[in-house]
Amino acid sequence: MTYDVIDRARRATRRRLTTICLTAVALSAAVAAAVVATTTPSRPADSPPGRAMSTFAVTGATPGSETQRLTDLEWVDVAGVSVPVSSRSGPRITNGGQARGFTHDQVGALLAAVHIVVRINPQVGPAVFGPTLRDQVVGPHAAAMRVQVAQAYDELRAQLDGQPLGRLNAILRGYRIVSYRDDEVAVRLLTEAPGANGVPLLVVAEVRVRWTGSDWALLAPAGGTFEQTVMAASDADTATFLPFTVGG
């Protein structure tokens, strides 16, 4: 094998790892330094502090639909990402690092989308991403997603020579419900991550969740990765998102 082939293979591996790891929390695969950022210890920067109370409103995707406002939000840390929890809307069950038990409404769908995509990240470890992928990811591409995440975890461990995988360096900035039905919801998440030049990068990813009859589950995207659904956010894009606001 020539050095050129080896180099191309390494670049392909880095791109795939970046896509899997970062889109799991709605980050763009375009962040070239993301693998380094997610495999070294990092602080949550100015992400919301754990257990801080906040409020937010969720407006329905159809004209005239009701706006739901939560006043009971708190923030908890999952692998370095601060995620919102609600005593009313969920998750009600967090045994073994999982997050289950969300209300069958817009807020429950939004919270489920956030919690599940974080917990299918290699950084949380197989004890968490394994059961989450098995029990909370559905659709024809669910098996492909399980393979992608497991391979990313193994490759990251090999690169780090047994060292801990580190924490995700990401901040949830905003959300928008694109479409809502009783059985399926599409939400877009706006997330901030450090760019290769140190300038924060905002990216958007679309995530779909499906009602299984008892809870929301992530609908695996085509091919098992979010690569087709992530993009860098423009100023015009960011203006269309409702913020995850602390303090409300």
C-alpha atoms as a PDB file:
ATOM      1  CA  MET A   1       0.000   0.000   0.000  1.00  0.00           C
ATOM      2  CA  THR A   2       1.434   3.400  -0.951  1.00  0.00           C
ATOM      3  CA  TYR A   3       1.730   6.269   1.493  1.00  0.00           C
ATOM      4  CA  ASP A   4      -0.834   8.154  -0.577  1.00  0.00           C
ATOM      5  CA  VAL A   5      -3.372   5.370  -0.120  1.00  0.00           C
ATOM      6  CA  ILE A   6      -2.614   5.202   3.603  1.00  0.00           C
ATOM      7  CA  ASP A   7      -3.045   8.946   3.934  1.00  0.00           C
ATOM      8  CA  ARG A   8      -6.371   8.874   2.095  1.00  0.00           C
ATOM      9  CA  ALA A   9      -7.569   6.045   4.314  1.00  0.00           C
ATOM     10  CA  ARG A  10      -6.620   7.988   7.439  1.00  0.00           C
ATOM     11  CA  ARG A  11      -8.436  11.087   6.200  1.00  0.00           C
ATOM     12  CA  ALA A  12     -11.516   9.003   5.395  1.00  0.00           C
ATOM     13  CA  THR A  13     -11.444   7.512   8.898  1.00  0.00           C
ATOM     14  CA  ARG A  14     -11.157  10.943  10.482  1.00  0.00           C
ATOM     15  CA  ARG A  15     -14.053  12.253   8.398  1.00  0.00           C
ATOM     16  CA  ARG A  16     -16.239   9.268   9.307  1.00  0.00           C
ATOM     17  CA  LEU A  17     -15.391   9.541  13.008  1.00  0.00           C
ATOM     18  CA  THR A  18     -16.146  13.245  12.958  1.00  0.00           C
ATOM     19  CA  THR A  19     -19.494  12.680  11.272  1.00  0.00           C
ATOM     20  CA  ILE A  20     -20.559   9.931  13.653  1.00  0.00           C
ATOM     21  CA  CYS A  21     -19.360  11.591  16.840  1.00  0.00           C
ATOM     22  CA  LEU A  22     -20.513  15.115  16.205  1.00  0.00           C
ATOM     23  CA  THR A  23     -23.777  14.627  14.413  1.00  0.00           C
ATOM     24  CA  ALA A  24     -24.841  12.469  17.316  1.00  0.00           C
ATOM     25  CA  VAL A  25     -25.204  15.780  19.127  1.00  0.00           C
ATOM     26  CA  ALA A  26     -26.258  17.713  16.033  1.00  0.00           C
ATOM     27  CA  LEU A  27     -22.794  18.951  15.121  1.00  0.00           C
ATOM     28  CA  SER A  28     -21.396  19.255  11.629  1.00  0.00           C
ATOM     29  CA  ALA A  29     -18.925  16.811  10.159  1.00  0.00           C
ATOM     30  CA  ALA A  30     -17.256  19.845   8.609  1.00  0.00           C
ATOM     31  CA  VAL A  31     -15.489  20.687  11.868  1.00  0.00           C
ATOM     32  CA  ALA A  32     -12.024  19.409  11.020  1.00  0.00           C
ATOM     33  CA  ALA A  33     -10.701  19.565  14.585  1.00  0.00           C
ATOM     34  CA  ALA A  34     -13.717  17.905  16.127  1.00  0.00           C
ATOM     35  CA  VAL A  35     -12.111  14.504  16.699  1.00  0.00           C
ATOM     36  CA  VAL A  36      -9.339  16.147  18.693  1.00  0.00           C
ATOM     37  CA  ALA A  37     -11.843  18.253  20.603  1.00  0.00           C
ATOM     38  CA  THR A  38     -13.970  15.259  21.530  1.00  0.00           C
ATOM     39  CA  THR A  39     -11.118  13.014  22.548  1.00  0.00           C
ATOM     40  CA  THR A  40      -9.434  15.360  25.002  1.00  0.00           C
ATOM     41  CA  PRO A  41     -10.827  16.532  28.343  1.00  0.00           C
ATOM     42  CA  SER A  42     -12.805  19.733  27.916  1.00  0.00           C
ATOM     43  CA  ARG A  43     -15.048  21.971  29.932  1.00  0.00           C
ATOM     44  CA  PRO A  44     -18.612  22.803  28.893  1.00  0.00           C
ATOM     45  CA  ALA A  45     -17.524  26.410  28.216  1.00  0.00           C
ATOM     46  CA  ASP A  46     -20.529  28.678  28.801  1.00  0.00           C
ATOM     47  CA  SER A  47     -23.071  25.884  28.591  1.00  0.00           C
ATOM     48  CA  PRO A  48     -25.884  26.044  31.167  1.00  0.00           C
ATOM     49  CA  PRO A  49     -24.867  24.908  34.662  1.00  0.00           C
ATOM     50  CA  GLY A  50     -26.289  21.678  36.025  1.00  0.00           C
ATOM     51  CA  ARG A  51     -29.652  21.891  37.768  1.00  0.00           C
ATOM     52  CA  ALA A  52     -30.177  25.551  36.808  1.00  0.00           C
ATOM     53  CA  MET A  53     -33.851  26.348  36.382  1.00  0.00           C
ATOM     54  CA  SER A  54     -35.004  27.763  33.063  1.00  0.00           C
ATOM     55  CA  THR A  55     -38.012  28.136  30.824  1.00  0.00           C
ATOM     56  CA  PHE A  56     -38.710  27.780  27.136  1.00  0.00           C
ATOM     57  CA  ALA A  57     -41.625  27.724  24.765  1.00  0.00           C
ATOM     58  CA  VAL A  58     -42.294  25.231  22.002  1.00  0.00           C
ATOM     59  CA  THR A  59     -44.438  26.493  19.145  1.00  0.00           C
ATOM     60  CA  GLY A  60     -46.229  24.001  16.935  1.00  0.00           C
ATOM     61  CA  ALA A  61     -45.185  23.492  13.342  1.00  0.00           C
ATOM     62  CA  THR A  62     -48.607  24.287  11.922  1.00  0.00           C
ATOM     63  CA  PRO A  63     -50.229  27.761  11.839  1.00  0.00           C
ATOM     64  CA  GLY A  64     -52.429  28.463  14.836  1.00  0.00           C
ATOM     65  CA  SER A  65     -51.089  25.545  16.855  1.00  0.00           C
ATOM     66  CA  GLU A  66     -50.719  26.024  20.562  1.00  0.00           C
ATOM     67  CA  THR A  67     -47.491  27.194  22.159  1.00  0.00           C
ATOM     68  CA  GLN A  68     -46.323  25.074  25.075  1.00  0.00           C
ATOM     69  CA  ARG A  69     -44.216  26.726  27.765  1.00  0.00           C
ATOM     70  CA  LEU A  70     -42.201  24.886  30.366  1.00  0.00           C
ATOM     71  CA  THR A  71     -41.193  26.507  33.628  1.00  0.00           C
ATOM     72  CA  ASP A  72     -39.654  23.452  35.277  1.00  0.00           C
ATOM     73  CA  LEU A  73     -36.533  22.905  33.153  1.00  0.00           C
ATOM     74  CA  GLU A  74     -33.239  21.973  34.758  1.00  0.00           C
ATOM     75  CA  TRP A  75     -29.912  21.224  33.081  1.00  0.00           C
ATOM     76  CA  VAL A  76     -27.798  18.117  33.576  1.00  0.00           C
ATOM     77  CA  ASP A  77     -24.424  17.141  32.146  1.00  0.00           C
ATOM     78  CA  VAL A  78     -24.157  14.187  29.755  1.00  0.00           C
ATOM     79  CA  ALA A  79     -20.623  13.542  28.457  1.00  0.00           C
ATOM     80  CA  GLY A  80     -19.845  17.261  28.616  1.00  0.00           C
ATOM     81  CA  VAL A  81     -23.069  18.466  26.984  1.00  0.00           C
ATOM     82  CA  SER A  82     -25.652  20.268  29.129  1.00  0.00           C
ATOM     83  CA  VAL A  83     -29.101  18.917  28.269  1.00  0.00           C
ATOM     84  CA  PRO A  84     -32.516  20.041  29.559  1.00  0.00           C
ATOM     85  CA  VAL A  85     -34.775  17.855  31.690  1.00  0.00           C
ATOM     86  CA  SER A  86     -38.343  18.449  32.830  1.00  0.00           C
ATOM     87  CA  SER A  87     -40.207  16.934  35.759  1.00  0.00           C
ATOM     88  CA  ARG A  88     -43.358  17.052  33.637  1.00  0.00           C
ATOM     89  CA  SER A  89     -42.147  16.136  30.141  1.00  0.00           C
ATOM     90  CA  GLY A  90     -39.213  13.849  30.880  1.00  0.00           C
ATOM     91  CA  PRO A  91     -37.115  11.933  30.921  1.00  0.00           C
ATOM     92  CA  ARG A  92     -38.766  10.130  33.824  1.00  0.00           C
ATOM     93  CA  ILE A  93     -36.340   7.167  33.756  1.00  0.00           C
ATOM     94  CA  THR A  94     -32.559   7.617  33.745  1.00  0.00           C
ATOM     95  CA  ASN A  95     -31.372   4.230  34.998  1.00  0.00           C
ATOM     96  CA  GLY A  96     -28.015   3.091  33.668  1.00  0.00           C
ATOM     97  CA  GLY A  97     -27.374   6.386  31.949  1.00  0.00           C
ATOM     98  CA  GLN A  98     -30.367   6.040  29.632  1.00  0.00           C
ATOM     99  CA  ALA A  99     -33.134   8.595  29.224  1.00  0.00           C
ATOM    100  CA  ARG A 100     -36.665   7.278  28.731  1.00  0.00           C
ATOM    101  CA  GLY A 101     -40.228   8.236  29.514  1.00  0.00           C
ATOM    102  CA  PHE A 102     -41.152  11.391  27.582  1.00  0.00           C
ATOM    103  CA  THR A 103     -44.600  12.917  27.268  1.00  0.00           C
ATOM    104  CA  HIS A 104     -46.537  12.373  24.049  1.00  0.00           C
ATOM    105  CA  ASP A 105     -46.472  16.011  22.943  1.00  0.00           C
ATOM    106  CA  GLN A 106     -44.194  18.587  21.318  1.00  0.00           C
ATOM    107  CA  VAL A 107     -42.020  19.192  24.372  1.00  0.00           C
ATOM    108  CA  GLY A 108     -41.600  15.486  25.045  1.00  0.00           C
ATOM    109  CA  ALA A 109     -40.560  14.926  21.433  1.00  0.00           C
ATOM    110  CA  LEU A 110     -38.014  17.746  21.569  1.00  0.00           C
ATOM    111  CA  LEU A 111     -36.486  16.516  24.822  1.00  0.00           C
ATOM    112  CA  ALA A 112     -36.368  12.943  23.528  1.00  0.00           C
ATOM    113  CA  ALA A 113     -34.546  14.057  20.385  1.00  0.00           C
ATOM    114  CA  VAL A 114     -31.902  15.899  22.400  1.00  0.00           C
ATOM    115  CA  HIS A 115     -31.340  13.156  24.958  1.00  0.00           C
ATOM    116  CA  ILE A 116     -31.209  10.258  22.518  1.00  0.00           C
ATOM    117  CA  VAL A 117     -28.779  11.866  20.074  1.00  0.00           C
ATOM    118  CA  VAL A 118     -26.361  12.656  22.894  1.00  0.00           C
ATOM    119  CA  ARG A 119     -26.569   9.131  24.281  1.00  0.00           C
ATOM    120  CA  ILE A 120     -25.760   7.408  20.982  1.00  0.00           C
ATOM    121  CA  ASN A 121     -22.378   9.132  20.956  1.00  0.00           C
ATOM    122  CA  PRO A 122     -19.244   6.955  21.398  1.00  0.00           C
ATOM    123  CA  GLN A 123     -18.074   9.208  24.255  1.00  0.00           C
ATOM    124  CA  VAL A 124     -20.824   7.935  26.563  1.00  0.00           C
ATOM    125  CA  GLY A 125     -19.454   4.380  26.282  1.00  0.00           C
ATOM    126  CA  PRO A 126     -21.086   1.103  25.202  1.00  0.00           C
ATOM    127  CA  ALA A 127     -22.909   0.660  28.514  1.00  0.00           C
ATOM    128  CA  VAL A 128     -25.033   3.669  27.509  1.00  0.00           C
ATOM    129  CA  PHE A 129     -24.964   3.862  23.714  1.00  0.00           C
ATOM    130  CA  GLY A 130     -25.535   0.103  23.348  1.00  0.00           C
ATOM    131  CA  PRO A 131     -28.924  -0.059  25.114  1.00  0.00           C
ATOM    132  CA  THR A 132     -29.929   3.327  23.708  1.00  0.00           C
ATOM    133  CA  LEU A 133     -29.280   2.198  20.135  1.00  0.00           C
ATOM    134  CA  ARG A 134     -31.015  -1.111  20.770  1.00  0.00           C
ATOM    135  CA  ASP A 135     -34.122   0.215  22.556  1.00  0.00           C
ATOM    136  CA  GLN A 136     -34.542   3.816  21.398  1.00  0.00           C
ATOM    137  CA  VAL A 137     -33.519   3.888  17.735  1.00  0.00           C
ATOM    138  CA  VAL A 138     -35.948   2.590  15.126  1.00  0.00           C
ATOM    139  CA  GLY A 139     -36.403   2.429  11.373  1.00  0.00           C
ATOM    140  CA  PRO A 140     -34.756   0.573   8.477  1.00  0.00           C
ATOM    141  CA  HIS A 141     -31.369   2.221   9.099  1.00  0.00           C
ATOM    142  CA  ALA A 142     -31.191   1.457  12.835  1.00  0.00           C
ATOM    143  CA  ALA A 143     -28.854  -1.524  12.324  1.00  0.00           C
ATOM    144  CA  ALA A 144     -26.493   0.594  10.227  1.00  0.00           C
ATOM    145  CA  MET A 145     -26.368   3.213  12.961  1.00  0.00           C
ATOM    146  CA  ARG A 146     -25.445   0.576  15.553  1.00  0.00           C
ATOM    147  CA  VAL A 147     -22.556  -0.552  13.350  1.00  0.00           C
ATOM    148  CA  GLN A 148     -21.361   3.023  12.712  1.00  0.00           C
ATOM    149  CA  VAL A 149     -21.306   3.988  16.380  1.00  0.00           C
ATOM    150  CA  ALA A 150     -19.617   0.759  17.491  1.00  0.00           C
ATOM    151  CA  GLN A 151     -16.900   1.167  14.841  1.00  0.00           C
ATOM    152  CA  ALA A 152     -16.350   4.792  15.820  1.00  0.00           C
ATOM    153  CA  TYR A 153     -15.955   3.778  19.469  1.00  0.00           C
ATOM    154  CA  ASP A 154     -13.431   1.051  18.620  1.00  0.00           C
ATOM    155  CA  GLU A 155     -11.419   3.343  16.341  1.00  0.00           C
ATOM    156  CA  LEU A 156     -11.342   6.185  18.859  1.00  0.00           C
ATOM    157  CA  ARG A 157     -10.136   3.791  21.562  1.00  0.00           C
ATOM    158  CA  ALA A 158      -7.387   2.531  19.255  1.00  0.00           C
ATOM    159  CA  GLN A 159      -6.264   6.076  18.443  1.00  0.00           C
ATOM    160  CA  LEU A 160      -6.094   6.975  22.137  1.00  0.00           C
ATOM    161  CA  ASP A 161      -4.192   3.805  23.093  1.00  0.00           C
ATOM    162  CA  GLY A 162      -6.473   2.964  25.987  1.00  0.00           C
ATOM    163  CA  GLN A 163      -6.926   6.500  27.299  1.00  0.00           C
ATOM    164  CA  PRO A 164     -10.429   7.775  28.189  1.00  0.00           C
ATOM    165  CA  LEU A 165     -12.419   9.030  25.220  1.00  0.00           C
ATOM    166  CA  GLY A 166     -12.911  12.446  26.807  1.00  0.00           C
ATOM    167  CA  ARG A 167     -15.974  14.686  26.710  1.00  0.00           C
ATOM    168  CA  LEU A 168     -17.963  16.337  23.969  1.00  0.00           C
ATOM    169  CA  ASN A 169     -17.263  20.018  23.521  1.00  0.00           C
ATOM    170  CA  ALA A 170     -20.669  21.229  22.385  1.00  0.00           C
ATOM    171  CA  ILE A 171     -23.373  23.665  23.445  1.00  0.00           C
ATOM    172  CA  LEU A 172     -27.044  23.386  22.538  1.00  0.00           C
ATOM    173  CA  ARG A 173     -28.130  26.829  21.330  1.00  0.00           C
ATOM    174  CA  GLY A 174     -31.585  26.504  19.828  1.00  0.00           C
ATOM    175  CA  TYR A 175     -34.344  24.384  18.367  1.00  0.00           C
ATOM    176  CA  ARG A 176     -37.192  24.500  15.880  1.00  0.00           C
ATOM    177  CA  ILE A 177     -40.010  22.029  15.285  1.00  0.00           C
ATOM    178  CA  VAL A 178     -40.238  21.510  11.536  1.00  0.00           C
ATOM    179  CA  SER A 179     -43.243  19.196  11.488  1.00  0.00           C
ATOM    180  CA  TYR A 180     -45.420  17.549  14.115  1.00  0.00           C
ATOM    181  CA  ARG A 181     -47.748  14.581  13.933  1.00  0.00           C
ATOM    182  CA  ASP A 182     -48.894  12.390  16.783  1.00  0.00           C
ATOM    183  CA  ASP A 183     -46.660   9.597  15.533  1.00  0.00           C
ATOM    184  CA  GLU A 184     -43.623  11.441  14.112  1.00  0.00           C
ATOM    185  CA  VAL A 185     -41.852  14.744  14.727  1.00  0.00           C
ATOM    186  CA  ALA A 186     -39.005  16.495  12.907  1.00  0.00           C
ATOM    187  CA  VAL A 187     -36.927  18.966  14.907  1.00  0.00           C
ATOM    188  CA  ARG A 188     -33.874  20.984  13.984  1.00  0.00           C
ATOM    189  CA  LEU A 189     -31.175  21.556  16.579  1.00  0.00           C
ATOM    190  CA  LEU A 190     -28.762  24.476  16.534  1.00  0.00           C
ATOM    191  CA  THR A 191     -25.457  23.586  18.181  1.00  0.00           C
ATOM    192  CA  GLU A 192     -22.208  25.426  18.781  1.00  0.00           C
ATOM    193  CA  ALA A 193     -18.816  23.725  18.547  1.00  0.00           C
ATOM    194  CA  PRO A 194     -15.243  25.001  18.388  1.00  0.00           C
ATOM    195  CA  GLY A 195     -13.973  25.457  14.842  1.00  0.00           C
ATOM    196  CA  ALA A 196     -10.510  24.518  13.656  1.00  0.00           C
ATOM    197  CA  ASN A 197      -9.352  28.158  13.913  1.00  0.00           C
ATOM    198  CA  GLY A 198     -10.790  28.676  17.383  1.00  0.00           C
ATOM    199  CA  VAL A 199     -13.850  30.571  16.115  1.00  0.00           C
ATOM    200  CA  PRO A 200     -17.121  29.025  17.333  1.00  0.00           C
ATOM    201  CA  LEU A 201     -19.072  27.278  14.594  1.00  0.00           C
ATOM    202  CA  LEU A 202     -22.863  27.039  14.591  1.00  0.00           C
ATOM    203  CA  VAL A 203     -24.400  24.081  12.800  1.00  0.00           C
ATOM    204  CA  VAL A 204     -27.904  22.742  12.226  1.00  0.00           C
ATOM    205  CA  ALA A 205     -29.047  19.127  12.104  1.00  0.00           C
ATOM    206  CA  GLU A 206     -32.506  17.715  11.526  1.00  0.00           C
ATOM    207  CA  VAL A 207     -33.545  14.906  13.843  1.00  0.00           C
ATOM    208  CA  ARG A 208     -36.707  12.829  13.598  1.00  0.00           C
ATOM    209  CA  VAL A 209     -38.378  10.957  16.433  1.00  0.00           C
ATOM    210  CA  ARG A 210     -41.214   8.446  16.180  1.00  0.00           C
ATOM    211  CA  TRP A 211     -43.853   7.517  18.762  1.00  0.00           C
ATOM    212  CA  THR A 212     -43.666   3.798  19.472  1.00  0.00           C
ATOM    213  CA  GLY A 213     -46.903   3.566  21.442  1.00  0.00           C
ATOM    214  CA  SER A 214     -45.230   4.106  24.802  1.00  0.00           C
ATOM    215  CA  ASP A 215     -42.368   6.557  24.184  1.00  0.00           C
ATOM    216  CA  TRP A 216     -40.459   8.544  21.563  1.00  0.00           C
ATOM    217  CA  ALA A 217     -37.628   6.837  19.697  1.00  0.00           C
ATOM    218  CA  LEU A 218     -35.056   8.248  17.290  1.00  0.00           C
ATOM    219  CA  LEU A 219     -35.741   7.464  13.634  1.00  0.00           C
ATOM    220  CA  ALA A 220     -32.320   6.483  12.289  1.00  0.00           C
ATOM    221  CA  PRO A 221     -31.272   8.632   9.314  1.00  0.00           C
ATOM    222  CA  ALA A 222     -30.286   7.177   5.964  1.00  0.00           C
ATOM    223  CA  GLY A 223     -27.119   5.108   6.168  1.00  0.00           C
ATOM    224  CA  GLY A 224     -27.058   5.311   9.950  1.00  0.00           C
ATOM    225  CA  THR A 225     -25.405   8.762  10.125  1.00  0.00           C
ATOM    226  CA  PHE A 226     -26.656  12.341  10.134  1.00  0.00           C
ATOM    227  CA  GLU A 227     -24.230  13.323   7.391  1.00  0.00           C
ATOM    228  CA  GLN A 228     -27.024  14.228   4.965  1.00  0.00           C
ATOM    229  CA  THR A 229     -28.922  16.353   7.488  1.00  0.00           C
ATOM    230  CA  VAL A 230     -26.224  18.643   8.935  1.00  0.00           C
ATOM    231  CA  MET A 231     -25.111  21.999   7.609  1.00  0.00           C
ATOM    232  CA  ALA A 232     -23.329  25.131   8.754  1.00  0.00           C
ATOM    233  CA  ALA A 233     -25.805  27.725  10.040  1.00  0.00           C
ATOM    234  CA  SER A 234     -26.037  31.162   8.471  1.00  0.00           C
ATOM    235  CA  ASP A 235     -27.143  34.288  10.347  1.00  0.00           C
ATOM    236  CA  ALA A 236     -30.508  33.963   8.643  1.00  0.00           C
ATOM    237  CA  ASP A 237     -30.792  30.363   9.869  1.00  0.00           C
ATOM    238  CA  THR A 238     -30.028  31.186  13.487  1.00  0.00           C
ATOM    239  CA  ALA A 239     -32.745  33.848  13.566  1.00  0.00           C
ATOM    240  CA  THR A 240     -35.390  31.163  12.985  1.00  0.00           C
ATOM    241  CA  PHE A 241     -34.513  29.133  16.096  1.00  0.00           C
ATOM    242  CA  LEU A 242     -35.935  29.442  19.573  1.00  0.00           C
ATOM    243  CA  PRO A 243     -33.137  29.587  22.158  1.00  0.00           C
ATOM    244  CA  PHE A 244     -32.411  27.144  24.964  1.00  0.00           C
ATOM    245  CA  THR A 245     -32.407  29.927  27.569  1.00  0.00           C
ATOM    246  CA  VAL A 246     -31.330  29.639  31.169  1.00  0.00           C
ATOM    247  CA  GLY A 247     -33.042  31.732  33.773  1.00  0.00           C
ATOM    248  CA  GLY A 248     -36.160  32.584  31.711  1.00  0.00           C
END
